[in-house]
Amino acid sequence: MMNLADTTITDNHHKHRFELKTDDKLSIVEYQNVDDETLALTHTEVDPSLEGQGVGSHLVKGVLEYVERNNLKIVPLCPFVSVYLKRHPDWNRVVSTTYNVNDF
């Protein structure tokens, strides 16, 4: 079991994605800027060799923590993020009330 606690999620502005390096493998959550305070999370991708080890959930949780720290909101367009929110409904506090999935 890998130790995800030591991993850091970074925001790559240029590529519009959050990145998580695990054992030199890259996992990402892509986003689009909807406005200055809102990110639409569009796609989550975990390296196939890491699937089923909690990397995706760790990544999404890190993104949500980043969003909250920066007083942002999200629109969960990515199915993986939507499932995470269903399992962790307390995180709905960072979901945009201005926009919803059907706006996209």
PDB file of N, CA and C in Angstrom:
ATOM      1  N   MET A   1       0.847  -1.195   0.000  1.00  0.00           N
ATOM      2  CA  MET A   1       0.000   0.000   0.000  1.00  0.00           C
ATOM      3  C   MET A   1       0.885   1.248   0.000  1.00  0.00           C
ATOM      4  N   MET A   2       0.642   2.121  -0.927  1.00  0.00           N
ATOM      5  CA  MET A   2       1.466   3.319  -1.006  1.00  0.00           C
ATOM      6  C   MET A   2       1.012   4.350   0.022  1.00  0.00           C
ATOM      7  N   ASN A   3       1.907   5.235   0.389  1.00  0.00           N
ATOM      8  CA  ASN A   3       1.574   6.279   1.349  1.00  0.00           C
ATOM      9  C   ASN A   3       1.204   7.548   0.598  1.00  0.00           C
ATOM     10  N   LEU A   4      -0.091   7.799   0.502  1.00  0.00           N
ATOM     11  CA  LEU A   4      -0.558   8.966  -0.242  1.00  0.00           C
ATOM     12  C   LEU A   4      -0.463  10.235   0.587  1.00  0.00           C
ATOM     13  N   ALA A   5      -0.266  10.097   1.900  1.00  0.00           N
ATOM     14  CA  ALA A   5      -0.239  11.270   2.775  1.00  0.00           C
ATOM     15  C   ALA A   5       0.902  12.219   2.410  1.00  0.00           C
ATOM     16  N   ASP A   6       1.976  11.675   1.864  1.00  0.00           N
ATOM     17  CA  ASP A   6       3.140  12.498   1.534  1.00  0.00           C
ATOM     18  C   ASP A   6       3.053  13.125   0.151  1.00  0.00           C
ATOM     19  N   THR A   7       1.992  12.855  -0.574  1.00  0.00           N
ATOM     20  CA  THR A   7       1.894  13.362  -1.941  1.00  0.00           C
ATOM     21  C   THR A   7       1.216  14.723  -1.949  1.00  0.00           C
ATOM     22  N   THR A   8       1.616  15.559  -2.882  1.00  0.00           N
ATOM     23  CA  THR A   8       1.084  16.916  -2.984  1.00  0.00           C
ATOM     24  C   THR A   8       0.377  17.095  -4.312  1.00  0.00           C
ATOM     25  N   ILE A   9      -0.783  17.726  -4.242  1.00  0.00           N
ATOM     26  CA  ILE A   9      -1.538  18.018  -5.461  1.00  0.00           C
ATOM     27  C   ILE A   9      -1.206  19.449  -5.875  1.00  0.00           C
ATOM     28  N   THR A  10      -0.816  19.610  -7.124  1.00  0.00           N
ATOM     29  CA  THR A  10      -0.433  20.938  -7.603  1.00  0.00           C
ATOM     30  C   THR A  10      -1.369  21.383  -8.720  1.00  0.00           C
ATOM     31  N   ASP A  11      -1.528  22.689  -8.835  1.00  0.00           N
ATOM     32  CA  ASP A  11      -2.365  23.269  -9.882  1.00  0.00           C
ATOM     33  C   ASP A  11      -1.462  23.690 -11.027  1.00  0.00           C
ATOM     34  N   ASN A  12      -1.594  23.024 -12.171  1.00  0.00           N
ATOM     35  CA  ASN A  12      -0.841  23.397 -13.361  1.00  0.00           C
ATOM     36  C   ASN A  12      -1.735  24.324 -14.193  1.00  0.00           C
ATOM     37  N   HIS A  13      -1.577  25.637 -13.959  1.00  0.00           N
ATOM     38  CA  HIS A  13      -2.430  26.634 -14.628  1.00  0.00           C
ATOM     39  C   HIS A  13      -2.360  26.522 -16.144  1.00  0.00           C
ATOM     40  N   HIS A  14      -1.138  26.318 -16.643  1.00  0.00           N
ATOM     41  CA  HIS A  14      -0.935  26.331 -18.095  1.00  0.00           C
ATOM     42  C   HIS A  14      -1.697  25.208 -18.780  1.00  0.00           C
ATOM     43  N   LYS A  15      -1.781  24.064 -18.102  1.00  0.00           N
ATOM     44  CA  LYS A  15      -2.464  22.920 -18.704  1.00  0.00           C
ATOM     45  C   LYS A  15      -3.888  22.756 -18.176  1.00  0.00           C
ATOM     46  N   HIS A  16      -4.319  23.678 -17.328  1.00  0.00           N
ATOM     47  CA  HIS A  16      -5.673  23.634 -16.758  1.00  0.00           C
ATOM     48  C   HIS A  16      -5.962  22.287 -16.109  1.00  0.00           C
ATOM     49  N   ARG A  17      -5.072  21.902 -15.211  1.00  0.00           N
ATOM     50  CA  ARG A  17      -5.309  20.637 -14.531  1.00  0.00           C
ATOM     51  C   ARG A  17      -4.584  20.603 -13.187  1.00  0.00           C
ATOM     52  N   PHE A  18      -5.146  19.834 -12.288  1.00  0.00           N
ATOM     53  CA  PHE A  18      -4.479  19.513 -11.036  1.00  0.00           C
ATOM     54  C   PHE A  18      -3.692  18.234 -11.255  1.00  0.00           C
ATOM     55  N   GLU A  19      -2.518  18.172 -10.665  1.00  0.00           N
ATOM     56  CA  GLU A  19      -1.636  17.034 -10.905  1.00  0.00           C
ATOM     57  C   GLU A  19      -1.209  16.399  -9.586  1.00  0.00           C
ATOM     58  N   LEU A  20      -1.128  15.095  -9.609  1.00  0.00           N
ATOM     59  CA  LEU A  20      -0.647  14.322  -8.461  1.00  0.00           C
ATOM     60  C   LEU A  20       0.378  13.319  -8.974  1.00  0.00           C
ATOM     61  N   LYS A  21       1.595  13.411  -8.463  1.00  0.00           N
ATOM     62  CA  LYS A  21       2.637  12.445  -8.845  1.00  0.00           C
ATOM     63  C   LYS A  21       2.713  11.353  -7.788  1.00  0.00           C
ATOM     64  N   THR A  22       2.572  10.122  -8.205  1.00  0.00           N
ATOM     65  CA  THR A  22       2.683   8.973  -7.324  1.00  0.00           C
ATOM     66  C   THR A  22       3.652   7.993  -7.964  1.00  0.00           C
ATOM     67  N   ASP A  23       4.733   7.695  -7.293  1.00  0.00           N
ATOM     68  CA  ASP A  23       5.745   6.790  -7.875  1.00  0.00           C
ATOM     69  C   ASP A  23       6.113   7.223  -9.295  1.00  0.00           C
ATOM     70  N   ASP A  24       6.320   8.516  -9.491  1.00  0.00           N
ATOM     71  CA  ASP A  24       6.678   9.075 -10.800  1.00  0.00           C
ATOM     72  C   ASP A  24       5.598   8.898 -11.865  1.00  0.00           C
ATOM     73  N   LYS A  25       4.398   8.535 -11.452  1.00  0.00           N
ATOM     74  CA  LYS A  25       3.295   8.426 -12.405  1.00  0.00           C
ATOM     75  C   LYS A  25       2.337   9.586 -12.144  1.00  0.00           C
ATOM     76  N   LEU A  26       1.799  10.127 -13.234  1.00  0.00           N
ATOM     77  CA  LEU A  26       0.973  11.326 -13.126  1.00  0.00           C
ATOM     78  C   LEU A  26      -0.507  10.977 -13.166  1.00  0.00           C
ATOM     79  N   SER A  27      -1.248  11.496 -12.207  1.00  0.00           N
ATOM     80  CA  SER A  27      -2.708  11.439 -12.240  1.00  0.00           C
ATOM     81  C   SER A  27      -3.210  12.880 -12.261  1.00  0.00           C
ATOM     82  N   ILE A  28      -4.318  13.101 -12.953  1.00  0.00           N
ATOM     83  CA  ILE A  28      -4.763  14.493 -13.159  1.00  0.00           C
ATOM     84  C   ILE A  28      -6.273  14.647 -13.000  1.00  0.00           C
ATOM     85  N   VAL A  29      -6.664  15.868 -12.645  1.00  0.00           N
ATOM     86  CA  VAL A  29      -8.054  16.316 -12.776  1.00  0.00           C
ATOM     87  C   VAL A  29      -8.008  17.561 -13.651  1.00  0.00           C
ATOM     88  N   GLU A  30      -8.645  17.482 -14.821  1.00  0.00           N
ATOM     89  CA  GLU A  30      -8.678  18.627 -15.733  1.00  0.00           C
ATOM     90  C   GLU A  30      -9.834  19.538 -15.367  1.00  0.00           C
ATOM     91  N   TYR A  31      -9.645  20.830 -15.615  1.00  0.00           N
ATOM     92  CA  TYR A  31     -10.711  21.783 -15.304  1.00  0.00           C
ATOM     93  C   TYR A  31     -10.782  22.883 -16.350  1.00  0.00           C
ATOM     94  N   GLN A  32     -11.914  23.573 -16.330  1.00  0.00           N
ATOM     95  CA  GLN A  32     -12.082  24.784 -17.128  1.00  0.00           C
ATOM     96  C   GLN A  32     -12.466  25.892 -16.170  1.00  0.00           C
ATOM     97  N   ASN A  33     -11.942  27.089 -16.416  1.00  0.00           N
ATOM     98  CA  ASN A  33     -12.366  28.237 -15.622  1.00  0.00           C
ATOM     99  C   ASN A  33     -13.717  28.710 -16.131  1.00  0.00           C
ATOM    100  N   VAL A  34     -14.720  28.673 -15.265  1.00  0.00           N
ATOM    101  CA  VAL A  34     -16.048  29.153 -15.644  1.00  0.00           C
ATOM    102  C   VAL A  34     -16.108  30.660 -15.411  1.00  0.00           C
ATOM    103  N   ASP A  35     -15.671  31.071 -14.235  1.00  0.00           N
ATOM    104  CA  ASP A  35     -15.472  32.491 -13.944  1.00  0.00           C
ATOM    105  C   ASP A  35     -14.337  32.580 -12.935  1.00  0.00           C
ATOM    106  N   ASP A  36     -14.136  33.744 -12.343  1.00  0.00           N
ATOM    107  CA  ASP A  36     -12.983  33.924 -11.451  1.00  0.00           C
ATOM    108  C   ASP A  36     -13.057  33.062 -10.198  1.00  0.00           C
ATOM    109  N   GLU A  37     -14.245  32.594  -9.875  1.00  0.00           N
ATOM    110  CA  GLU A  37     -14.413  31.859  -8.617  1.00  0.00           C
ATOM    111  C   GLU A  37     -14.900  30.430  -8.816  1.00  0.00           C
ATOM    112  N   THR A  38     -15.020  29.993 -10.070  1.00  0.00           N
ATOM    113  CA  THR A  38     -15.629  28.690 -10.328  1.00  0.00           C
ATOM    114  C   THR A  38     -14.801  27.871 -11.310  1.00  0.00           C
ATOM    115  N   LEU A  39     -14.550  26.615 -10.956  1.00  0.00           N
ATOM    116  CA  LEU A  39     -13.866  25.676 -11.844  1.00  0.00           C
ATOM    117  C   LEU A  39     -14.822  24.549 -12.202  1.00  0.00           C
ATOM    118  N   ALA A  40     -14.935  24.265 -13.473  1.00  0.00           N
ATOM    119  CA  ALA A  40     -15.666  23.074 -13.911  1.00  0.00           C
ATOM    120  C   ALA A  40     -14.653  21.938 -13.987  1.00  0.00           C
ATOM    121  N   LEU A  41     -14.852  20.914 -13.156  1.00  0.00           N
ATOM    122  CA  LEU A  41     -13.951  19.752 -13.180  1.00  0.00           C
ATOM    123  C   LEU A  41     -14.451  18.805 -14.261  1.00  0.00           C
ATOM    124  N   THR A  42     -13.646  18.620 -15.303  1.00  0.00           N
ATOM    125  CA  THR A  42     -14.139  17.960 -16.512  1.00  0.00           C
ATOM    126  C   THR A  42     -13.688  16.512 -16.671  1.00  0.00           C
ATOM    127  N   HIS A  43     -12.536  16.169 -16.083  1.00  0.00           N
ATOM    128  CA  HIS A  43     -11.995  14.837 -16.391  1.00  0.00           C
ATOM    129  C   HIS A  43     -10.980  14.433 -15.329  1.00  0.00           C
ATOM    130  N   THR A  44     -11.088  13.206 -14.855  1.00  0.00           N
ATOM    131  CA  THR A  44     -10.108  12.655 -13.919  1.00  0.00           C
ATOM    132  C   THR A  44      -9.418  11.474 -14.583  1.00  0.00           C
ATOM    133  N   GLU A  45      -8.117  11.440 -14.471  1.00  0.00           N
ATOM    134  CA  GLU A  45      -7.356  10.357 -15.095  1.00  0.00           C
ATOM    135  C   GLU A  45      -6.289   9.859 -14.125  1.00  0.00           C
ATOM    136  N   VAL A  46      -6.340   8.579 -13.827  1.00  0.00           N
ATOM    137  CA  VAL A  46      -5.352   7.958 -12.949  1.00  0.00           C
ATOM    138  C   VAL A  46      -4.540   6.981 -13.788  1.00  0.00           C
ATOM    139  N   ASP A  47      -3.244   6.966 -13.580  1.00  0.00           N
ATOM    140  CA  ASP A  47      -2.394   6.014 -14.301  1.00  0.00           C
ATOM    141  C   ASP A  47      -2.952   4.601 -14.114  1.00  0.00           C
ATOM    142  N   PRO A  48      -3.134   3.850 -15.200  1.00  0.00           N
ATOM    143  CA  PRO A  48      -3.750   2.524 -15.103  1.00  0.00           C
ATOM    144  C   PRO A  48      -3.086   1.610 -14.072  1.00  0.00           C
ATOM    145  N   SER A  49      -1.785   1.744 -13.893  1.00  0.00           N
ATOM    146  CA  SER A  49      -1.091   0.876 -12.942  1.00  0.00           C
ATOM    147  C   SER A  49      -1.437   1.216 -11.491  1.00  0.00           C
ATOM    148  N   LEU A  50      -2.079   2.356 -11.279  1.00  0.00           N
ATOM    149  CA  LEU A  50      -2.417   2.792  -9.918  1.00  0.00           C
ATOM    150  C   LEU A  50      -3.897   2.625  -9.605  1.00  0.00           C
ATOM    151  N   GLU A  51      -4.672   2.188 -10.578  1.00  0.00           N
ATOM    152  CA  GLU A  51      -6.115   2.098 -10.367  1.00  0.00           C
ATOM    153  C   GLU A  51      -6.453   1.149  -9.225  1.00  0.00           C
ATOM    154  N   GLY A  52      -7.512   1.494  -8.495  1.00  0.00           N
ATOM    155  CA  GLY A  52      -7.980   0.643  -7.413  1.00  0.00           C
ATOM    156  C   GLY A  52      -7.178   0.773  -6.130  1.00  0.00           C
ATOM    157  N   GLN A  53      -6.288   1.756  -6.057  1.00  0.00           N
ATOM    158  CA  GLN A  53      -5.462   1.937  -4.859  1.00  0.00           C
ATOM    159  C   GLN A  53      -5.805   3.223  -4.109  1.00  0.00           C
ATOM    160  N   GLY A  54      -6.924   3.834  -4.476  1.00  0.00           N
ATOM    161  CA  GLY A  54      -7.353   5.035  -3.765  1.00  0.00           C
ATOM    162  C   GLY A  54      -6.736   6.320  -4.271  1.00  0.00           C
ATOM    163  N   VAL A  55      -5.976   6.230  -5.357  1.00  0.00           N
ATOM    164  CA  VAL A  55      -5.284   7.416  -5.867  1.00  0.00           C
ATOM    165  C   VAL A  55      -6.292   8.452  -6.379  1.00  0.00           C
ATOM    166  N   GLY A  56      -7.288   7.997  -7.139  1.00  0.00           N
ATOM    167  CA  GLY A  56      -8.290   8.918  -7.682  1.00  0.00           C
ATOM    168  C   GLY A  56      -9.039   9.650  -6.583  1.00  0.00           C
ATOM    169  N   SER A  57      -9.454   8.917  -5.562  1.00  0.00           N
ATOM    170  CA  SER A  57     -10.177   9.540  -4.449  1.00  0.00           C
ATOM    171  C   SER A  57      -9.290  10.528  -3.706  1.00  0.00           C
ATOM    172  N   HIS A  58      -8.030  10.153  -3.493  1.00  0.00           N
ATOM    173  CA  HIS A  58      -7.076  11.040  -2.832  1.00  0.00           C
ATOM    174  C   HIS A  58      -6.885  12.314  -3.653  1.00  0.00           C
ATOM    175  N   LEU A  59      -6.799  12.151  -4.958  1.00  0.00           N
ATOM    176  CA  LEU A  59      -6.623  13.275  -5.869  1.00  0.00           C
ATOM    177  C   LEU A  59      -7.833  14.202  -5.805  1.00  0.00           C
ATOM    178  N   VAL A  60      -9.027  13.646  -5.906  1.00  0.00           N
ATOM    179  CA  VAL A  60     -10.245  14.464  -5.887  1.00  0.00           C
ATOM    180  C   VAL A  60     -10.374  15.186  -4.545  1.00  0.00           C
ATOM    181  N   LYS A  61     -10.110  14.475  -3.454  1.00  0.00           N
ATOM    182  CA  LYS A  61     -10.173  15.106  -2.129  1.00  0.00           C
ATOM    183  C   LYS A  61      -9.195  16.275  -2.053  1.00  0.00           C
ATOM    184  N   GLY A  62      -7.989  16.085  -2.580  1.00  0.00           N
ATOM    185  CA  GLY A  62      -6.992  17.157  -2.590  1.00  0.00           C
ATOM    186  C   GLY A  62      -7.434  18.352  -3.405  1.00  0.00           C
ATOM    187  N   VAL A  63      -8.072  18.087  -4.534  1.00  0.00           N
ATOM    188  CA  VAL A  63      -8.595  19.169  -5.373  1.00  0.00           C
ATOM    189  C   VAL A  63      -9.679  19.934  -4.614  1.00  0.00           C
ATOM    190  N   LEU A  64     -10.581  19.204  -3.944  1.00  0.00           N
ATOM    191  CA  LEU A  64     -11.658  19.859  -3.199  1.00  0.00           C
ATOM    192  C   LEU A  64     -11.103  20.689  -2.042  1.00  0.00           C
ATOM    193  N   GLU A  65     -10.057  20.181  -1.395  1.00  0.00           N
ATOM    194  CA  GLU A  65      -9.408  20.946  -0.323  1.00  0.00           C
ATOM    195  C   GLU A  65      -8.775  22.225  -0.879  1.00  0.00           C
ATOM    196  N   TYR A  66      -8.138  22.110  -2.040  1.00  0.00           N
ATOM    197  CA  TYR A  66      -7.536  23.274  -2.697  1.00  0.00           C
ATOM    198  C   TYR A  66      -8.621  24.301  -3.029  1.00  0.00           C
ATOM    199  N   VAL A  67      -9.713  23.816  -3.594  1.00  0.00           N
ATOM    200  CA  VAL A  67     -10.832  24.679  -3.980  1.00  0.00           C
ATOM    201  C   VAL A  67     -11.352  25.446  -2.761  1.00  0.00           C
ATOM    202  N   GLU A  68     -11.542  24.704  -1.664  1.00  0.00           N
ATOM    203  CA  GLU A  68     -12.069  25.337  -0.458  1.00  0.00           C
ATOM    204  C   GLU A  68     -11.087  26.351   0.120  1.00  0.00           C
ATOM    205  N   ARG A  69      -9.812  25.987   0.167  1.00  0.00           N
ATOM    206  CA  ARG A  69      -8.780  26.908   0.688  1.00  0.00           C
ATOM    207  C   ARG A  69      -8.764  28.214  -0.079  1.00  0.00           C
ATOM    208  N   ASN A  70      -9.051  28.146  -1.370  1.00  0.00           N
ATOM    209  CA  ASN A  70      -8.968  29.323  -2.236  1.00  0.00           C
ATOM    210  C   ASN A  70     -10.333  29.967  -2.474  1.00  0.00           C
ATOM    211  N   ASN A  71     -11.307  29.588  -1.665  1.00  0.00           N
ATOM    212  CA  ASN A  71     -12.657  30.155  -1.759  1.00  0.00           C
ATOM    213  C   ASN A  71     -13.245  30.058  -3.157  1.00  0.00           C
ATOM    214  N   LEU A  72     -13.029  28.914  -3.784  1.00  0.00           N
ATOM    215  CA  LEU A  72     -13.571  28.662  -5.113  1.00  0.00           C
ATOM    216  C   LEU A  72     -14.780  27.742  -5.003  1.00  0.00           C
ATOM    217  N   LYS A  73     -15.481  27.585  -6.110  1.00  0.00           N
ATOM    218  CA  LYS A  73     -16.576  26.617  -6.214  1.00  0.00           C
ATOM    219  C   LYS A  73     -16.292  25.732  -7.422  1.00  0.00           C
ATOM    220  N   ILE A  74     -16.943  24.573  -7.450  1.00  0.00           N
ATOM    221  CA  ILE A  74     -16.751  23.669  -8.591  1.00  0.00           C
ATOM    222  C   ILE A  74     -18.091  23.338  -9.240  1.00  0.00           C
ATOM    223  N   VAL A  75     -18.005  22.964 -10.505  1.00  0.00           N
ATOM    224  CA  VAL A  75     -19.112  22.319 -11.200  1.00  0.00           C
ATOM    225  C   VAL A  75     -18.599  20.922 -11.553  1.00  0.00           C
ATOM    226  N   PRO A  76     -19.209  19.874 -10.987  1.00  0.00           N
ATOM    227  CA  PRO A  76     -18.672  18.522 -11.170  1.00  0.00           C
ATOM    228  C   PRO A  76     -19.135  17.873 -12.475  1.00  0.00           C
ATOM    229  N   LEU A  77     -18.459  18.201 -13.574  1.00  0.00           N
ATOM    230  CA  LEU A  77     -18.812  17.622 -14.873  1.00  0.00           C
ATOM    231  C   LEU A  77     -18.224  16.229 -15.042  1.00  0.00           C
ATOM    232  N   CYS A  78     -17.198  15.925 -14.275  1.00  0.00           N
ATOM    233  CA  CYS A  78     -16.538  14.624 -14.377  1.00  0.00           C
ATOM    234  C   CYS A  78     -17.305  13.580 -13.571  1.00  0.00           C
ATOM    235  N   PRO A  79     -17.653  12.441 -14.186  1.00  0.00           N
ATOM    236  CA  PRO A  79     -18.404  11.393 -13.481  1.00  0.00           C
ATOM    237  C   PRO A  79     -17.701  10.909 -12.212  1.00  0.00           C
ATOM    238  N   PHE A  80     -16.378  10.810 -12.249  1.00  0.00           N
ATOM    239  CA  PHE A  80     -15.640  10.332 -11.074  1.00  0.00           C
ATOM    240  C   PHE A  80     -15.820  11.295  -9.903  1.00  0.00           C
ATOM    241  N   VAL A  81     -15.762  12.595 -10.202  1.00  0.00           N
ATOM    242  CA  VAL A  81     -15.953  13.613  -9.162  1.00  0.00           C
ATOM    243  C   VAL A  81     -17.384  13.546  -8.629  1.00  0.00           C
ATOM    244  N   SER A  82     -18.346  13.356  -9.506  1.00  0.00           N
ATOM    245  CA  SER A  82     -19.752  13.250  -9.086  1.00  0.00           C
ATOM    246  C   SER A  82     -19.955  12.087  -8.127  1.00  0.00           C
ATOM    247  N   VAL A  83     -19.355  10.949  -8.437  1.00  0.00           N
ATOM    248  CA  VAL A  83     -19.465   9.776  -7.566  1.00  0.00           C
ATOM    249  C   VAL A  83     -18.802  10.059  -6.216  1.00  0.00           C
ATOM    250  N   TYR A  84     -17.657  10.715  -6.247  1.00  0.00           N
ATOM    251  CA  TYR A  84     -16.972  11.056  -4.997  1.00  0.00           C
ATOM    252  C   TYR A  84     -17.874  11.929  -4.122  1.00  0.00           C
ATOM    253  N   LEU A  85     -18.537  12.902  -4.744  1.00  0.00           N
ATOM    254  CA  LEU A  85     -19.422  13.800  -3.994  1.00  0.00           C
ATOM    255  C   LEU A  85     -20.622  13.050  -3.410  1.00  0.00           C
ATOM    256  N   LYS A  86     -21.113  12.057  -4.136  1.00  0.00           N
ATOM    257  CA  LYS A  86     -22.224  11.256  -3.606  1.00  0.00           C
ATOM    258  C   LYS A  86     -21.790  10.471  -2.374  1.00  0.00           C
ATOM    259  N   ARG A  87     -20.547   9.990  -2.402  1.00  0.00           N
ATOM    260  CA  ARG A  87     -20.027   9.212  -1.266  1.00  0.00           C
ATOM    261  C   ARG A  87     -19.608  10.101  -0.101  1.00  0.00           C
ATOM    262  N   HIS A  88     -19.295  11.357  -0.383  1.00  0.00           N
ATOM    263  CA  HIS A  88     -18.832  12.304   0.639  1.00  0.00           C
ATOM    264  C   HIS A  88     -19.668  13.588   0.533  1.00  0.00           C
ATOM    265  N   PRO A  89     -20.952  13.501   0.892  1.00  0.00           N
ATOM    266  CA  PRO A  89     -21.881  14.618   0.628  1.00  0.00           C
ATOM    267  C   PRO A  89     -21.511  15.913   1.346  1.00  0.00           C
ATOM    268  N   ASP A  90     -20.699  15.832   2.399  1.00  0.00           N
ATOM    269  CA  ASP A  90     -20.290  17.067   3.074  1.00  0.00           C
ATOM    270  C   ASP A  90     -19.492  17.983   2.140  1.00  0.00           C
ATOM    271  N   TRP A  91     -18.861  17.405   1.104  1.00  0.00           N
ATOM    272  CA  TRP A  91     -18.092  18.218   0.157  1.00  0.00           C
ATOM    273  C   TRP A  91     -18.991  19.003  -0.800  1.00  0.00           C
ATOM    274  N   ASN A  92     -20.294  18.744  -0.771  1.00  0.00           N
ATOM    275  CA  ASN A  92     -21.188  19.533  -1.620  1.00  0.00           C
ATOM    276  C   ASN A  92     -21.131  21.017  -1.276  1.00  0.00           C
ATOM    277  N   ARG A  93     -20.504  21.336  -0.142  1.00  0.00           N
ATOM    278  CA  ARG A  93     -20.364  22.751   0.238  1.00  0.00           C
ATOM    279  C   ARG A  93     -19.512  23.541  -0.758  1.00  0.00           C
ATOM    280  N   VAL A  94     -18.703  22.856  -1.558  1.00  0.00           N
ATOM    281  CA  VAL A  94     -17.882  23.581  -2.538  1.00  0.00           C
ATOM    282  C   VAL A  94     -18.482  23.518  -3.949  1.00  0.00           C
ATOM    283  N   VAL A  95     -19.653  22.916  -4.072  1.00  0.00           N
ATOM    284  CA  VAL A  95     -20.297  22.834  -5.388  1.00  0.00           C
ATOM    285  C   VAL A  95     -21.025  24.147  -5.671  1.00  0.00           C
ATOM    286  N   SER A  96     -20.849  24.658  -6.867  1.00  0.00           N
ATOM    287  CA  SER A  96     -21.443  25.933  -7.254  1.00  0.00           C
ATOM    288  C   SER A  96     -22.962  25.901  -7.169  1.00  0.00           C
ATOM    289  N   THR A  97     -23.547  26.959  -6.654  1.00  0.00           N
ATOM    290  CA  THR A  97     -24.999  27.118  -6.695  1.00  0.00           C
ATOM    291  C   THR A  97     -25.391  28.041  -7.850  1.00  0.00           C
ATOM    292  N   THR A  98     -24.384  28.672  -8.453  1.00  0.00           N
ATOM    293  CA  THR A  98     -24.623  29.594  -9.585  1.00  0.00           C
ATOM    294  C   THR A  98     -24.794  28.825 -10.886  1.00  0.00           C
ATOM    295  N   TYR A  99     -23.971  27.786 -11.038  1.00  0.00           N
ATOM    296  CA  TYR A  99     -23.989  26.989 -12.265  1.00  0.00           C
ATOM    297  C   TYR A  99     -24.342  25.566 -11.907  1.00  0.00           C
ATOM    298  N   ASN A 100     -24.910  24.838 -12.860  1.00  0.00           N
ATOM    299  CA  ASN A 100     -25.029  23.405 -12.655  1.00  0.00           C
ATOM    300  C   ASN A 100     -24.616  22.674 -13.923  1.00  0.00           C
ATOM    301  N   VAL A 101     -24.545  21.376 -13.799  1.00  0.00           N
ATOM    302  CA  VAL A 101     -24.015  20.532 -14.881  1.00  0.00           C
ATOM    303  C   VAL A 101     -24.749  20.772 -16.190  1.00  0.00           C
ATOM    304  N   ASN A 102     -26.051  21.076 -16.097  1.00  0.00           N
ATOM    305  CA  ASN A 102     -26.850  21.249 -17.314  1.00  0.00           C
ATOM    306  C   ASN A 102     -26.533  22.545 -18.067  1.00  0.00           C
ATOM    307  N   ASP A 103     -25.753  23.446 -17.434  1.00  0.00           N
ATOM    308  CA  ASP A 103     -25.377  24.684 -18.111  1.00  0.00           C
ATOM    309  C   ASP A 103     -24.275  24.444 -19.143  1.00  0.00           C
ATOM    310  N   PHE A 104     -23.718  23.231 -19.179  1.00  0.00           N
ATOM    311  CA  PHE A 104     -22.526  22.987 -19.990  1.00  0.00           C
ATOM    312  C   PHE A 104     -22.785  22.034 -21.135  1.00  0.00           C
TER     313      PHE A 104
END
